[in-house]
């Protein structure tokens, strides 16, 4: 299982990205919300949607959940 976070700051397209702990692109502590421990990014994205309507997986650490 891995710790997942969602970025409080939206990307230019409005997406709030979900990141796995250890990702190079993980936002600073003050700019992220801890989502919990999950075995996959799909469950983390589902949890992030409780905070934001527009959510996407990070291309680098949650590629299976990343949409273009």
PDB file of N, CA and C in Angstrom:
ATOM      1  N   UNK A   1       0.837  -1.184   0.000  1.00  0.00           N
ATOM      2  CA  UNK A   1       0.000   0.000   0.000  1.00  0.00           C
ATOM      3  C   UNK A   1       0.881   1.246   0.000  1.00  0.00           C
ATOM      4  N   UNK A   2       0.337   2.297  -0.537  1.00  0.00           N
ATOM      5  CA  UNK A   2       1.087   3.554  -0.624  1.00  0.00           C
ATOM      6  C   UNK A   2       0.230   4.701  -0.108  1.00  0.00           C
ATOM      7  N   UNK A   3       0.895   5.737   0.370  1.00  0.00           N
ATOM      8  CA  UNK A   3       0.208   6.950   0.810  1.00  0.00           C
ATOM      9  C   UNK A   3      -0.056   7.814  -0.414  1.00  0.00           C
ATOM     10  N   UNK A   4      -1.281   8.316  -0.511  1.00  0.00           N
ATOM     11  CA  UNK A   4      -1.664   9.165  -1.637  1.00  0.00           C
ATOM     12  C   UNK A   4      -2.120  10.531  -1.146  1.00  0.00           C
ATOM     13  N   UNK A   5      -1.884  11.527  -1.991  1.00  0.00           N
ATOM     14  CA  UNK A   5      -2.233  12.915  -1.697  1.00  0.00           C
ATOM     15  C   UNK A   5      -2.861  13.544  -2.926  1.00  0.00           C
ATOM     16  N   UNK A   6      -3.668  14.578  -2.699  1.00  0.00           N
ATOM     17  CA  UNK A   6      -4.203  15.354  -3.817  1.00  0.00           C
ATOM     18  C   UNK A   6      -3.696  16.787  -3.675  1.00  0.00           C
ATOM     19  N   UNK A   7      -3.332  17.357  -4.791  1.00  0.00           N
ATOM     20  CA  UNK A   7      -2.833  18.726  -4.829  1.00  0.00           C
ATOM     21  C   UNK A   7      -3.999  19.697  -4.614  1.00  0.00           C
ATOM     22  N   UNK A   8      -3.852  20.610  -3.660  1.00  0.00           N
ATOM     23  CA  UNK A   8      -4.874  21.629  -3.408  1.00  0.00           C
ATOM     24  C   UNK A   8      -4.954  22.625  -4.567  1.00  0.00           C
ATOM     25  N   UNK A   9      -3.854  22.808  -5.272  1.00  0.00           N
ATOM     26  CA  UNK A   9      -3.793  23.749  -6.390  1.00  0.00           C
ATOM     27  C   UNK A   9      -4.107  23.028  -7.697  1.00  0.00           C
ATOM     28  N   UNK A  10      -5.078  23.537  -8.411  1.00  0.00           N
ATOM     29  CA  UNK A  10      -5.465  22.921  -9.681  1.00  0.00           C
ATOM     30  C   UNK A  10      -4.438  23.211 -10.768  1.00  0.00           C
ATOM     31  N   UNK A  11      -4.346  22.311 -11.727  1.00  0.00           N
ATOM     32  CA  UNK A  11      -3.531  22.511 -12.914  1.00  0.00           C
ATOM     33  C   UNK A  11      -4.235  23.556 -13.788  1.00  0.00           C
ATOM     34  N   UNK A  12      -3.602  23.968 -14.873  1.00  0.00           N
ATOM     35  CA  UNK A  12      -4.191  24.965 -15.768  1.00  0.00           C
ATOM     36  C   UNK A  12      -5.547  24.526 -16.315  1.00  0.00           C
ATOM     37  N   UNK A  13      -5.736  23.218 -16.483  1.00  0.00           N
ATOM     38  CA  UNK A  13      -7.005  22.711 -17.022  1.00  0.00           C
ATOM     39  C   UNK A  13      -8.057  22.470 -15.942  1.00  0.00           C
ATOM     40  N   UNK A  14      -7.727  22.773 -14.686  1.00  0.00           N
ATOM     41  CA  UNK A  14      -8.675  22.624 -13.593  1.00  0.00           C
ATOM     42  C   UNK A  14      -8.550  21.345 -12.795  1.00  0.00           C
ATOM     43  N   UNK A  15      -7.707  20.422 -13.246  1.00  0.00           N
ATOM     44  CA  UNK A  15      -7.518  19.146 -12.547  1.00  0.00           C
ATOM     45  C   UNK A  15      -6.723  19.319 -11.254  1.00  0.00           C
ATOM     46  N   UNK A  16      -7.127  18.576 -10.237  1.00  0.00           N
ATOM     47  CA  UNK A  16      -6.347  18.442  -9.009  1.00  0.00           C
ATOM     48  C   UNK A  16      -5.691  17.066  -9.094  1.00  0.00           C
ATOM     49  N   UNK A  17      -4.369  17.049  -9.154  1.00  0.00           N
ATOM     50  CA  UNK A  17      -3.650  15.798  -9.377  1.00  0.00           C
ATOM     51  C   UNK A  17      -3.443  14.987  -8.100  1.00  0.00           C
ATOM     52  N   UNK A  18      -3.579  13.678  -8.260  1.00  0.00           N
ATOM     53  CA  UNK A  18      -3.332  12.722  -7.185  1.00  0.00           C
ATOM     54  C   UNK A  18      -1.910  12.200  -7.338  1.00  0.00           C
ATOM     55  N   UNK A  19      -1.171  12.220  -6.221  1.00  0.00           N
ATOM     56  CA  UNK A  19       0.223  11.775  -6.207  1.00  0.00           C
ATOM     57  C   UNK A  19       0.450  10.719  -5.136  1.00  0.00           C
ATOM     58  N   UNK A  20       1.388   9.839  -5.437  1.00  0.00           N
ATOM     59  CA  UNK A  20       1.837   8.843  -4.474  1.00  0.00           C
ATOM     60  C   UNK A  20       3.022   9.423  -3.701  1.00  0.00           C
ATOM     61  N   UNK A  21       3.100   9.111  -2.401  1.00  0.00           N
ATOM     62  CA  UNK A  21       4.217   9.587  -1.596  1.00  0.00           C
ATOM     63  C   UNK A  21       5.533   9.152  -2.236  1.00  0.00           C
ATOM     64  N   UNK A  22       6.471  10.070  -2.335  1.00  0.00           N
ATOM     65  CA  UNK A  22       7.755   9.792  -2.954  1.00  0.00           C
ATOM     66  C   UNK A  22       7.868  10.320  -4.374  1.00  0.00           C
ATOM     67  N   UNK A  23       6.741  10.732  -4.947  1.00  0.00           N
ATOM     68  CA  UNK A  23       6.751  11.277  -6.304  1.00  0.00           C
ATOM     69  C   UNK A  23       7.542  12.583  -6.328  1.00  0.00           C
ATOM     70  N   UNK A  24       8.337  12.760  -7.352  1.00  0.00           N
ATOM     71  CA  UNK A  24       9.104  13.995  -7.520  1.00  0.00           C
ATOM     72  C   UNK A  24       8.190  15.209  -7.596  1.00  0.00           C
ATOM     73  N   UNK A  25       6.990  15.039  -8.130  1.00  0.00           N
ATOM     74  CA  UNK A  25       6.046  16.135  -8.339  1.00  0.00           C
ATOM     75  C   UNK A  25       5.066  16.316  -7.174  1.00  0.00           C
ATOM     76  N   UNK A  26       5.251  15.581  -6.088  1.00  0.00           N
ATOM     77  CA  UNK A  26       4.383  15.718  -4.913  1.00  0.00           C
ATOM     78  C   UNK A  26       4.449  17.151  -4.402  1.00  0.00           C
ATOM     79  N   UNK A  27       3.287  17.800  -4.220  1.00  0.00           N
ATOM     80  CA  UNK A  27       3.294  19.187  -3.756  1.00  0.00           C
ATOM     81  C   UNK A  27       3.829  19.316  -2.329  1.00  0.00           C
ATOM     82  N   UNK A  28       4.199  20.528  -1.967  1.00  0.00           N
ATOM     83  CA  UNK A  28       4.653  20.813  -0.609  1.00  0.00           C
ATOM     84  C   UNK A  28       3.518  20.499   0.372  1.00  0.00           C
ATOM     85  N   UNK A  29       3.871  20.257   1.622  1.00  0.00           N
ATOM     86  CA  UNK A  29       2.911  19.864   2.651  1.00  0.00           C
ATOM     87  C   UNK A  29       1.706  20.800   2.710  1.00  0.00           C
ATOM     88  N   UNK A  30       1.945  22.087   2.609  1.00  0.00           N
ATOM     89  CA  UNK A  30       0.847  23.053   2.722  1.00  0.00           C
ATOM     90  C   UNK A  30      -0.065  23.079   1.495  1.00  0.00           C
ATOM     91  N   UNK A  31       0.352  22.425   0.420  1.00  0.00           N
ATOM     92  CA  UNK A  31      -0.431  22.421  -0.821  1.00  0.00           C
ATOM     93  C   UNK A  31      -1.018  21.060  -1.170  1.00  0.00           C
ATOM     94  N   UNK A  32      -1.144  20.191  -0.176  1.00  0.00           N
ATOM     95  CA  UNK A  32      -1.686  18.863  -0.461  1.00  0.00           C
ATOM     96  C   UNK A  32      -2.600  18.392   0.666  1.00  0.00           C
ATOM     97  N   UNK A  33      -3.481  17.467   0.312  1.00  0.00           N
ATOM     98  CA  UNK A  33      -4.393  16.842   1.259  1.00  0.00           C
ATOM     99  C   UNK A  33      -4.082  15.354   1.267  1.00  0.00           C
ATOM    100  N   UNK A  34      -3.878  14.810   2.454  1.00  0.00           N
ATOM    101  CA  UNK A  34      -3.630  13.377   2.592  1.00  0.00           C
ATOM    102  C   UNK A  34      -4.930  12.626   2.335  1.00  0.00           C
ATOM    103  N   UNK A  35      -4.886  11.651   1.449  1.00  0.00           N
ATOM    104  CA  UNK A  35      -6.074  10.887   1.091  1.00  0.00           C
ATOM    105  C   UNK A  35      -6.158   9.561   1.839  1.00  0.00           C
ATOM    106  N   UNK A  36      -5.008   8.987   2.179  1.00  0.00           N
ATOM    107  CA  UNK A  36      -4.981   7.702   2.863  1.00  0.00           C
ATOM    108  C   UNK A  36      -4.033   6.740   2.181  1.00  0.00           C
ATOM    109  N   UNK A  37      -4.012   5.511   2.688  1.00  0.00           N
ATOM    110  CA  UNK A  37      -3.200   4.432   2.115  1.00  0.00           C
ATOM    111  C   UNK A  37      -4.078   3.596   1.195  1.00  0.00           C
ATOM    112  N   UNK A  38      -3.607   3.389  -0.020  1.00  0.00           N
ATOM    113  CA  UNK A  38      -4.369   2.624  -1.002  1.00  0.00           C
ATOM    114  C   UNK A  38      -3.446   1.668  -1.752  1.00  0.00           C
ATOM    115  N   UNK A  39      -4.034   0.599  -2.261  1.00  0.00           N
ATOM    116  CA  UNK A  39      -3.255  -0.367  -3.036  1.00  0.00           C
ATOM    117  C   UNK A  39      -3.142   0.057  -4.497  1.00  0.00           C
ATOM    118  N   UNK A  40      -3.962   1.047  -4.906  1.00  0.00           N
ATOM    119  CA  UNK A  40      -3.915   1.502  -6.296  1.00  0.00           C
ATOM    120  C   UNK A  40      -4.396   2.945  -6.392  1.00  0.00           C
ATOM    121  N   UNK A  41      -4.064   3.571  -7.509  1.00  0.00           N
ATOM    122  CA  UNK A  41      -4.425   4.976  -7.697  1.00  0.00           C
ATOM    123  C   UNK A  41      -5.918   5.165  -7.929  1.00  0.00           C
ATOM    124  N   UNK A  42      -6.593   4.149  -8.440  1.00  0.00           N
ATOM    125  CA  UNK A  42      -8.027   4.266  -8.706  1.00  0.00           C
ATOM    126  C   UNK A  42      -8.796   4.592  -7.427  1.00  0.00           C
ATOM    127  N   UNK A  43      -8.473   3.895  -6.353  1.00  0.00           N
ATOM    128  CA  UNK A  43      -9.143   4.153  -5.078  1.00  0.00           C
ATOM    129  C   UNK A  43      -8.763   5.520  -4.517  1.00  0.00           C
ATOM    130  N   UNK A  44      -7.523   5.935  -4.740  1.00  0.00           N
ATOM    131  CA  UNK A  44      -7.076   7.258  -4.285  1.00  0.00           C
ATOM    132  C   UNK A  44      -7.803   8.364  -5.044  1.00  0.00           C
ATOM    133  N   UNK A  45      -7.988   8.198  -6.341  1.00  0.00           N
ATOM    134  CA  UNK A  45      -8.706   9.187  -7.144  1.00  0.00           C
ATOM    135  C   UNK A  45     -10.164   9.268  -6.682  1.00  0.00           C
ATOM    136  N   UNK A  46     -10.748   8.136  -6.386  1.00  0.00           N
ATOM    137  CA  UNK A  46     -12.126   8.101  -5.885  1.00  0.00           C
ATOM    138  C   UNK A  46     -12.242   8.911  -4.586  1.00  0.00           C
ATOM    139  N   UNK A  47     -11.273   8.742  -3.706  1.00  0.00           N
ATOM    140  CA  UNK A  47     -11.248   9.487  -2.448  1.00  0.00           C
ATOM    141  C   UNK A  47     -11.049  10.985  -2.706  1.00  0.00           C
ATOM    142  N   UNK A  48     -10.189  11.326  -3.645  1.00  0.00           N
ATOM    143  CA  UNK A  48      -9.918  12.733  -3.969  1.00  0.00           C
ATOM    144  C   UNK A  48     -11.161  13.431  -4.503  1.00  0.00           C
ATOM    145  N   UNK A  49     -12.039  12.681  -5.159  1.00  0.00           N
ATOM    146  CA  UNK A  49     -13.265  13.269  -5.706  1.00  0.00           C
ATOM    147  C   UNK A  49     -14.238  13.687  -4.610  1.00  0.00           C
ATOM    148  N   UNK A  50     -13.963  13.306  -3.382  1.00  0.00           N
ATOM    149  CA  UNK A  50     -14.754  13.789  -2.243  1.00  0.00           C
ATOM    150  C   UNK A  50     -14.359  15.227  -1.907  1.00  0.00           C
ATOM    151  N   UNK A  51     -13.189  15.644  -2.376  1.00  0.00           N
ATOM    152  CA  UNK A  51     -12.676  16.989  -2.118  1.00  0.00           C
ATOM    153  C   UNK A  51     -12.839  17.916  -3.323  1.00  0.00           C
ATOM    154  N   UNK A  52     -12.650  17.361  -4.518  1.00  0.00           N
ATOM    155  CA  UNK A  52     -12.683  18.162  -5.743  1.00  0.00           C
ATOM    156  C   UNK A  52     -13.456  17.426  -6.838  1.00  0.00           C
ATOM    157  N   UNK A  53     -14.137  18.177  -7.681  1.00  0.00           N
ATOM    158  CA  UNK A  53     -14.895  17.573  -8.781  1.00  0.00           C
ATOM    159  C   UNK A  53     -13.991  17.086  -9.908  1.00  0.00           C
ATOM    160  N   UNK A  54     -12.947  17.834 -10.170  1.00  0.00           N
ATOM    161  CA  UNK A  54     -12.069  17.523 -11.305  1.00  0.00           C
ATOM    162  C   UNK A  54     -10.738  17.001 -10.776  1.00  0.00           C
ATOM    163  N   UNK A  55     -10.525  15.700 -10.915  1.00  0.00           N
ATOM    164  CA  UNK A  55      -9.348  15.018 -10.359  1.00  0.00           C
ATOM    165  C   UNK A  55      -8.701  14.181 -11.448  1.00  0.00           C
ATOM    166  N   UNK A  56      -7.373  14.076 -11.387  1.00  0.00           N
ATOM    167  CA  UNK A  56      -6.627  13.288 -12.363  1.00  0.00           C
ATOM    168  C   UNK A  56      -5.422  12.682 -11.659  1.00  0.00           C
ATOM    169  N   UNK A  57      -4.998  11.522 -12.103  1.00  0.00           N
ATOM    170  CA  UNK A  57      -3.786  10.913 -11.565  1.00  0.00           C
ATOM    171  C   UNK A  57      -2.548  11.561 -12.162  1.00  0.00           C
ATOM    172  N   UNK A  58      -1.504  11.655 -11.379  1.00  0.00           N
ATOM    173  CA  UNK A  58      -0.226  12.194 -11.852  1.00  0.00           C
ATOM    174  C   UNK A  58       0.320  11.299 -12.969  1.00  0.00           C
ATOM    175  N   UNK A  59       0.785  11.910 -14.029  1.00  0.00           N
ATOM    176  CA  UNK A  59       1.355  11.172 -15.162  1.00  0.00           C
ATOM    177  C   UNK A  59       2.550  10.334 -14.734  1.00  0.00           C
ATOM    178  N   UNK A  60       3.299  10.799 -13.745  1.00  0.00           N
ATOM    179  CA  UNK A  60       4.547  10.138 -13.357  1.00  0.00           C
ATOM    180  C   UNK A  60       4.369   9.051 -12.311  1.00  0.00           C
ATOM    181  N   UNK A  61       3.520   9.262 -11.315  1.00  0.00           N
ATOM    182  CA  UNK A  61       3.416   8.273 -10.238  1.00  0.00           C
ATOM    183  C   UNK A  61       2.083   7.534 -10.210  1.00  0.00           C
ATOM    184  N   UNK A  62       1.099   8.026 -10.927  1.00  0.00           N
ATOM    185  CA  UNK A  62      -0.226   7.387 -10.953  1.00  0.00           C
ATOM    186  C   UNK A  62      -0.724   7.306 -12.399  1.00  0.00           C
ATOM    187  N   UNK A  63       0.158   6.853 -13.267  1.00  0.00           N
ATOM    188  CA  UNK A  63      -0.104   6.856 -14.705  1.00  0.00           C
ATOM    189  C   UNK A  63      -1.363   6.063 -15.082  1.00  0.00           C
ATOM    190  N   UNK A  64      -1.658   5.000 -14.358  1.00  0.00           N
ATOM    191  CA  UNK A  64      -2.853   4.200 -14.662  1.00  0.00           C
ATOM    192  C   UNK A  64      -4.129   5.008 -14.484  1.00  0.00           C
ATOM    193  N   UNK A  65      -4.062   6.088 -13.731  1.00  0.00           N
ATOM    194  CA  UNK A  65      -5.222   6.930 -13.467  1.00  0.00           C
ATOM    195  C   UNK A  65      -5.130   8.288 -14.160  1.00  0.00           C
ATOM    196  N   UNK A  66      -4.118   8.472 -14.973  1.00  0.00           N
ATOM    197  CA  UNK A  66      -3.920   9.731 -15.678  1.00  0.00           C
ATOM    198  C   UNK A  66      -4.709   9.716 -16.988  1.00  0.00           C
ATOM    199  N   UNK A  67      -5.451  10.786 -17.206  1.00  0.00           N
ATOM    200  CA  UNK A  67      -6.152  10.943 -18.481  1.00  0.00           C
ATOM    201  C   UNK A  67      -5.648  12.227 -19.128  1.00  0.00           C
ATOM    202  N   UNK A  68      -5.566  12.241 -20.413  1.00  0.00           N
ATOM    203  CA  UNK A  68      -5.042  13.401 -21.149  1.00  0.00           C
ATOM    204  C   UNK A  68      -5.992  14.561 -21.130  1.00  0.00           C
TER     205      UNK A  68
END
